[in-house]
Protein backbone atom coordinates (compact mmCIF):
# COMPACT_ATOMS: atom_id res chain seq x y z
CA UNK A 1 84.31 64.86 94.92
CA UNK A 2 86.80 63.48 97.43
CA UNK A 3 87.66 65.94 100.20
CA UNK A 4 88.09 66.23 103.96
CA UNK A 5 86.11 68.76 105.97
CA UNK A 6 87.12 70.16 109.37
CA UNK A 7 84.51 72.45 111.01
CA UNK A 8 86.27 75.20 112.97
CA UNK A 9 83.11 76.91 114.26
CA UNK A 10 83.33 80.59 115.24
CA UNK A 11 86.82 82.05 114.96
CA UNK A 12 88.21 85.53 115.48
CA UNK A 13 89.94 87.37 112.66
CA UNK A 14 93.66 86.69 112.70
CA UNK A 15 93.53 83.26 114.37
CA UNK A 16 95.90 80.78 112.79
CA UNK A 17 94.70 77.42 111.49
CA UNK A 18 97.37 74.75 111.06
CA UNK A 19 96.92 71.75 108.75
CA UNK A 20 99.31 68.81 108.74
CA UNK A 21 99.18 66.50 105.71
CA UNK A 22 100.40 62.98 105.03
CA UNK A 23 100.08 61.71 101.46
CA UNK A 24 99.79 63.58 98.18
CA UNK A 25 100.07 67.33 97.70
CA UNK A 26 96.68 68.92 98.26
CA UNK A 27 94.53 72.01 98.13
CA UNK A 28 93.97 73.38 101.63
CA UNK A 29 91.64 76.29 102.23
CA UNK A 30 89.25 78.03 104.61
CA UNK A 31 85.65 78.77 103.60
CA UNK A 32 82.63 80.32 105.26
CA UNK A 33 79.22 78.55 105.09
CA UNK A 34 77.93 80.10 101.82
CA UNK A 35 81.21 79.35 100.02
CA UNK A 36 81.33 75.81 101.45
CA UNK A 37 77.88 75.17 99.95
CA UNK A 38 79.00 76.57 96.59
CA UNK A 39 82.13 74.37 96.68
CA UNK A 40 80.06 71.26 97.48
CA UNK A 41 77.71 72.05 94.58
CA UNK A 42 80.62 72.48 92.16
CA UNK A 43 79.97 76.18 91.75
CA UNK A 44 82.55 78.96 91.91
CA UNK A 45 83.45 80.00 95.44
CA UNK A 46 85.82 82.22 97.38
CA UNK A 47 88.42 80.77 99.73
CA UNK A 48 91.59 81.52 101.65
CA UNK A 49 94.43 79.08 101.00
CA UNK A 50 95.86 77.30 97.98
CA UNK A 51 97.77 74.27 96.73
CA UNK A 52 100.50 72.93 99.01
CA UNK A 53 103.27 70.37 98.55
CA UNK A 54 104.56 70.45 102.14
CA UNK A 55 103.10 70.81 105.58
CA UNK A 56 102.45 72.09 108.13
CA UNK A 57 100.36 74.77 106.45
CA UNK A 58 99.32 77.84 108.39
CA UNK A 59 96.37 79.94 107.27
CA UNK A 60 95.16 83.08 108.97
CA UNK A 61 91.40 83.49 109.46
CA UNK A 62 90.57 86.60 107.38
CA UNK A 63 87.55 87.80 109.37
CA UNK A 64 85.51 86.75 112.38
CA UNK A 65 82.86 84.14 111.68
CA UNK A 66 82.07 80.48 111.17
CA UNK A 67 84.80 78.69 109.18
CA UNK A 68 85.54 75.26 107.78
CA UNK A 69 88.95 73.98 106.69
CA UNK A 70 88.82 71.84 103.53
CA UNK A 71 91.54 69.51 102.23
CA UNK A 72 91.27 68.23 98.63
CA UNK A 73 93.88 65.62 97.67
CA UNK A 74 95.81 66.00 94.44
CA UNK A 75 94.87 64.02 91.34
CA UNK A 76 94.60 60.28 91.87
CA UNK A 77 95.97 60.30 95.41
CA UNK A 78 94.91 60.12 98.99
CA UNK A 79 95.76 62.32 101.92
CA UNK A 80 95.40 62.11 105.68
CA UNK A 81 95.11 65.42 107.46
CA UNK A 82 94.79 66.94 110.87
CA UNK A 83 93.68 70.51 111.47
CA UNK A 84 93.86 72.61 114.61
CA UNK A 85 93.41 76.23 115.61
CA UNK A 86 96.54 77.51 117.31
CA UNK A 87 96.23 79.33 120.61
CA UNK A 88 98.71 81.90 119.32
CA UNK A 89 99.71 82.64 115.76
């Protein structure tokens, strides 16, 4: 599966993660380590985010912990992405 991964490390609940996309519409979501593993194995997983046609995209970290932002490009396309944690959200 073609996807981009951006480790965010430990984040506090409520922090805002901003993704900026260039290319096709994409799925953008936050996952914790167990759900990242499930995603990579093609199993069902829980995430925070969705499918987006425009950026920037802002997602709020739902609970404190280790998080990864994932960007999955839409069918047949490519996407370039940058992800950052905002100092204030």
